[in-house]
């Protein structure tokens, strides 16, 4: 346990940031999961909706520093490619 006042403060600040990061990550992971479920089911309307929502949430996470902007872009690109491939097959 920390004895120095600044170290104690850092512990509380890190706990707050961790909680925020977990909330943001949980939100975009759930949307991504729903997107892939819609693709598997062949529901292109829902998949398109979830793709737009996922892109928004991922870019917000990148802007807040939860993830790197290139990581967010890569995930969006992969999801878009998956959607376009599934749409062409349907």
N, C-alpha and C. Protein backbone atom coordinates (compact mmCIF):
# COMPACT_ATOMS: atom_id res chain seq x y z
N UNK A 1 0.84 -1.19 0.00
CA UNK A 1 0.00 0.00 0.00
C UNK A 1 0.88 1.24 0.00
N UNK A 2 0.44 2.26 -0.71
CA UNK A 2 1.22 3.49 -0.83
C UNK A 2 1.17 4.30 0.46
N UNK A 3 2.29 4.94 0.79
CA UNK A 3 2.36 5.81 1.96
C UNK A 3 2.37 7.28 1.57
N UNK A 4 2.90 7.58 0.40
CA UNK A 4 3.02 8.96 -0.06
C UNK A 4 1.67 9.43 -0.60
N UNK A 5 1.36 10.70 -0.29
CA UNK A 5 0.06 11.26 -0.66
C UNK A 5 -0.18 11.22 -2.17
N UNK A 6 0.83 11.57 -2.95
CA UNK A 6 0.67 11.59 -4.41
C UNK A 6 0.46 10.17 -4.95
N UNK A 7 1.09 9.19 -4.35
CA UNK A 7 0.92 7.80 -4.77
C UNK A 7 -0.50 7.31 -4.46
N UNK A 8 -1.02 7.74 -3.32
CA UNK A 8 -2.40 7.38 -2.97
C UNK A 8 -3.38 7.99 -3.97
N UNK A 9 -3.11 9.24 -4.36
CA UNK A 9 -3.96 9.90 -5.35
C UNK A 9 -3.91 9.17 -6.67
N UNK A 10 -2.72 8.76 -7.09
CA UNK A 10 -2.56 8.04 -8.36
C UNK A 10 -3.38 6.75 -8.36
N UNK A 11 -3.43 6.07 -7.22
CA UNK A 11 -4.20 4.83 -7.11
C UNK A 11 -5.67 5.10 -7.38
N UNK A 12 -6.21 6.19 -6.79
CA UNK A 12 -7.63 6.49 -7.01
C UNK A 12 -7.88 6.93 -8.45
N UNK A 13 -6.96 7.71 -9.02
CA UNK A 13 -7.12 8.17 -10.40
C UNK A 13 -7.09 6.99 -11.36
N UNK A 14 -6.15 6.07 -11.14
CA UNK A 14 -6.04 4.89 -12.00
C UNK A 14 -7.30 4.03 -11.90
N UNK A 15 -7.86 3.92 -10.70
CA UNK A 15 -9.09 3.14 -10.52
C UNK A 15 -10.24 3.75 -11.32
N UNK A 16 -10.33 5.09 -11.33
CA UNK A 16 -11.38 5.76 -12.10
C UNK A 16 -11.19 5.54 -13.59
N UNK A 17 -9.95 5.69 -14.06
CA UNK A 17 -9.67 5.52 -15.48
C UNK A 17 -9.92 4.08 -15.92
N UNK A 18 -9.55 3.13 -15.06
CA UNK A 18 -9.77 1.72 -15.37
C UNK A 18 -11.25 1.42 -15.50
N UNK A 19 -12.05 1.99 -14.60
CA UNK A 19 -13.50 1.78 -14.65
C UNK A 19 -14.07 2.34 -15.94
N UNK A 20 -13.63 3.54 -16.34
CA UNK A 20 -14.12 4.16 -17.57
C UNK A 20 -13.71 3.32 -18.79
N UNK A 21 -12.45 2.88 -18.80
CA UNK A 21 -11.97 2.08 -19.93
C UNK A 21 -12.74 0.77 -20.05
N UNK A 22 -13.01 0.13 -18.92
CA UNK A 22 -13.76 -1.13 -18.95
C UNK A 22 -15.16 -0.93 -19.49
N UNK A 23 -15.79 0.19 -19.12
CA UNK A 23 -17.14 0.49 -19.59
C UNK A 23 -17.14 0.71 -21.10
N UNK A 24 -16.19 1.49 -21.58
CA UNK A 24 -16.10 1.79 -23.01
C UNK A 24 -15.79 0.52 -23.81
N UNK A 25 -14.83 -0.26 -23.34
CA UNK A 25 -14.46 -1.50 -24.03
C UNK A 25 -15.62 -2.49 -24.06
N UNK A 26 -16.33 -2.60 -22.94
CA UNK A 26 -17.47 -3.50 -22.89
C UNK A 26 -18.55 -3.11 -23.89
N UNK A 27 -18.75 -1.81 -24.04
CA UNK A 27 -19.78 -1.31 -24.96
C UNK A 27 -19.43 -1.66 -26.40
N UNK A 28 -18.20 -1.36 -26.83
CA UNK A 28 -17.89 -1.64 -28.23
C UNK A 28 -17.71 -3.12 -28.50
N UNK A 29 -17.27 -3.88 -27.52
CA UNK A 29 -17.15 -5.34 -27.72
C UNK A 29 -18.53 -5.97 -27.92
N UNK A 30 -19.52 -5.51 -27.16
CA UNK A 30 -20.88 -6.04 -27.30
C UNK A 30 -21.45 -5.73 -28.68
N UNK A 31 -21.21 -4.51 -29.17
CA UNK A 31 -21.70 -4.13 -30.49
C UNK A 31 -21.03 -4.96 -31.58
N UNK A 32 -19.72 -5.16 -31.45
CA UNK A 32 -18.99 -5.96 -32.43
C UNK A 32 -19.52 -7.39 -32.44
N UNK A 33 -19.78 -7.93 -31.26
CA UNK A 33 -20.30 -9.29 -31.15
C UNK A 33 -21.66 -9.39 -31.82
N UNK A 34 -22.52 -8.39 -31.61
CA UNK A 34 -23.84 -8.38 -32.24
C UNK A 34 -23.73 -8.26 -33.76
N UNK A 35 -22.74 -7.50 -34.22
CA UNK A 35 -22.52 -7.36 -35.66
C UNK A 35 -22.20 -8.73 -36.29
N UNK A 36 -21.27 -9.45 -35.68
CA UNK A 36 -20.89 -10.75 -36.24
C UNK A 36 -22.02 -11.78 -36.12
N UNK A 37 -22.85 -11.68 -35.09
CA UNK A 37 -24.01 -12.55 -34.98
C UNK A 37 -25.00 -12.27 -36.11
N UNK A 38 -25.20 -11.00 -36.43
CA UNK A 38 -26.10 -10.61 -37.52
C UNK A 38 -25.56 -11.10 -38.86
N UNK A 39 -24.25 -11.03 -39.06
CA UNK A 39 -23.63 -11.51 -40.30
C UNK A 39 -23.85 -13.02 -40.42
N UNK A 40 -23.63 -13.74 -39.31
CA UNK A 40 -23.82 -15.20 -39.31
C UNK A 40 -25.26 -15.56 -39.64
N UNK A 41 -26.20 -14.79 -39.10
CA UNK A 41 -27.62 -15.06 -39.33
C UNK A 41 -28.07 -14.61 -40.72
N UNK A 42 -27.25 -13.82 -41.40
CA UNK A 42 -27.60 -13.33 -42.73
C UNK A 42 -28.50 -12.11 -42.71
N UNK A 43 -28.59 -11.45 -41.58
CA UNK A 43 -29.44 -10.26 -41.44
C UNK A 43 -28.63 -9.02 -41.79
N UNK A 44 -28.66 -8.63 -43.06
CA UNK A 44 -27.82 -7.54 -43.55
C UNK A 44 -28.28 -6.16 -43.04
N UNK A 45 -29.59 -6.02 -42.79
CA UNK A 45 -30.10 -4.73 -42.30
C UNK A 45 -29.55 -4.45 -40.90
N UNK A 46 -29.64 -5.43 -40.03
CA UNK A 46 -29.12 -5.28 -38.67
C UNK A 46 -27.61 -5.14 -38.69
N UNK A 47 -26.95 -5.90 -39.56
CA UNK A 47 -25.49 -5.83 -39.65
C UNK A 47 -25.04 -4.44 -40.08
N UNK A 48 -25.73 -3.84 -41.02
CA UNK A 48 -25.39 -2.48 -41.47
C UNK A 48 -25.54 -1.48 -40.33
N UNK A 49 -26.62 -1.64 -39.57
CA UNK A 49 -26.88 -0.76 -38.43
C UNK A 49 -25.78 -0.91 -37.36
N UNK A 50 -25.44 -2.16 -37.06
CA UNK A 50 -24.41 -2.44 -36.05
C UNK A 50 -23.03 -1.98 -36.52
N UNK A 51 -22.78 -2.06 -37.82
CA UNK A 51 -21.50 -1.61 -38.36
C UNK A 51 -21.32 -0.11 -38.14
N UNK A 52 -22.36 0.67 -38.43
CA UNK A 52 -22.29 2.11 -38.21
C UNK A 52 -22.11 2.46 -36.74
N UNK A 53 -22.83 1.73 -35.88
CA UNK A 53 -22.73 1.96 -34.45
C UNK A 53 -21.35 1.58 -33.92
N UNK A 54 -20.83 0.46 -34.41
CA UNK A 54 -19.50 0.00 -33.99
C UNK A 54 -18.43 1.00 -34.41
N UNK A 55 -18.54 1.52 -35.63
CA UNK A 55 -17.56 2.49 -36.09
C UNK A 55 -17.56 3.73 -35.19
N UNK A 56 -18.75 4.20 -34.84
CA UNK A 56 -18.87 5.37 -33.97
C UNK A 56 -18.23 5.10 -32.61
N UNK A 57 -18.56 3.97 -32.01
CA UNK A 57 -18.05 3.65 -30.67
C UNK A 57 -16.53 3.43 -30.69
N UNK A 58 -16.03 2.79 -31.73
CA UNK A 58 -14.59 2.55 -31.82
C UNK A 58 -13.83 3.86 -31.98
N UNK A 59 -14.34 4.76 -32.79
CA UNK A 59 -13.66 6.04 -32.98
C UNK A 59 -13.74 6.90 -31.71
N UNK A 60 -14.85 6.80 -30.98
CA UNK A 60 -14.95 7.50 -29.70
C UNK A 60 -13.93 6.94 -28.71
N UNK A 61 -13.77 5.62 -28.70
CA UNK A 61 -12.80 5.00 -27.80
C UNK A 61 -11.38 5.44 -28.17
N UNK A 62 -11.10 5.56 -29.46
CA UNK A 62 -9.79 6.01 -29.90
C UNK A 62 -9.57 7.47 -29.50
N UNK A 63 -10.60 8.29 -29.60
CA UNK A 63 -10.49 9.69 -29.25
C UNK A 63 -10.26 9.88 -27.74
N UNK A 64 -10.83 8.99 -26.94
CA UNK A 64 -10.68 9.08 -25.49
C UNK A 64 -9.38 8.44 -25.00
N UNK A 65 -8.65 7.79 -25.91
CA UNK A 65 -7.39 7.18 -25.52
C UNK A 65 -7.53 5.77 -24.98
N UNK A 66 -8.70 5.18 -25.12
CA UNK A 66 -8.89 3.80 -24.65
C UNK A 66 -8.13 2.84 -25.55
N UNK A 67 -8.08 3.14 -26.84
CA UNK A 67 -7.32 2.34 -27.79
C UNK A 67 -6.65 3.28 -28.78
N UNK A 68 -5.67 2.77 -29.49
CA UNK A 68 -4.96 3.56 -30.49
C UNK A 68 -5.86 3.76 -31.71
N UNK A 69 -5.72 4.89 -32.37
CA UNK A 69 -6.60 5.19 -33.50
C UNK A 69 -6.40 4.22 -34.66
N UNK A 70 -5.18 3.72 -34.84
CA UNK A 70 -4.95 2.74 -35.90
C UNK A 70 -5.62 1.41 -35.60
N UNK A 71 -5.67 1.05 -34.33
CA UNK A 71 -6.36 -0.18 -33.93
C UNK A 71 -7.85 -0.06 -34.23
N UNK A 72 -8.41 1.08 -33.90
CA UNK A 72 -9.84 1.31 -34.16
C UNK A 72 -10.11 1.26 -35.66
N UNK A 73 -9.26 1.91 -36.45
CA UNK A 73 -9.44 1.91 -37.90
C UNK A 73 -9.31 0.51 -38.48
N UNK A 74 -8.37 -0.26 -37.95
CA UNK A 74 -8.18 -1.63 -38.42
C UNK A 74 -9.41 -2.48 -38.15
N UNK A 75 -9.98 -2.35 -36.95
CA UNK A 75 -11.18 -3.11 -36.60
C UNK A 75 -12.35 -2.73 -37.50
N UNK A 76 -12.51 -1.42 -37.73
CA UNK A 76 -13.60 -0.95 -38.60
C UNK A 76 -13.40 -1.47 -40.01
N UNK A 77 -12.16 -1.43 -40.50
CA UNK A 77 -11.86 -1.92 -41.85
C UNK A 77 -12.18 -3.40 -42.00
N UNK A 78 -11.83 -4.17 -41.01
CA UNK A 78 -12.10 -5.62 -41.07
C UNK A 78 -13.60 -5.89 -41.05
N UNK A 79 -14.31 -5.14 -40.21
CA UNK A 79 -15.76 -5.34 -40.13
C UNK A 79 -16.43 -4.93 -41.44
N UNK A 80 -15.96 -3.84 -42.04
CA UNK A 80 -16.52 -3.37 -43.31
C UNK A 80 -16.28 -4.39 -44.41
N UNK A 81 -15.07 -4.93 -44.43
CA UNK A 81 -14.73 -5.95 -45.43
C UNK A 81 -15.59 -7.19 -45.25
N UNK A 82 -15.81 -7.60 -44.01
CA UNK A 82 -16.67 -8.75 -43.72
C UNK A 82 -18.10 -8.48 -44.17
N UNK A 83 -18.59 -7.27 -43.89
CA UNK A 83 -19.95 -6.90 -44.29
C UNK A 83 -20.10 -6.92 -45.81
N UNK A 84 -19.14 -6.31 -46.50
CA UNK A 84 -19.22 -6.24 -47.97
C UNK A 84 -19.15 -7.63 -48.60
N UNK A 85 -18.34 -8.50 -48.03
CA UNK A 85 -18.23 -9.87 -48.54
C UNK A 85 -19.55 -10.63 -48.33
N UNK A 86 -20.13 -10.48 -47.14
CA UNK A 86 -21.40 -11.16 -46.83
C UNK A 86 -22.53 -10.61 -47.69
N UNK A 87 -22.50 -9.32 -47.94
CA UNK A 87 -23.53 -8.68 -48.77
C UNK A 87 -23.45 -9.16 -50.20
N UNK A 88 -22.24 -9.33 -50.72
CA UNK A 88 -22.05 -9.81 -52.09
C UNK A 88 -22.52 -11.25 -52.25
N UNK A 89 -22.30 -12.05 -51.20
CA UNK A 89 -22.71 -13.46 -51.25
C UNK A 89 -24.23 -13.61 -51.14
N UNK A 90 -24.86 -12.68 -50.43
CA UNK A 90 -26.31 -12.80 -50.20
C UNK A 90 -27.12 -12.38 -51.43
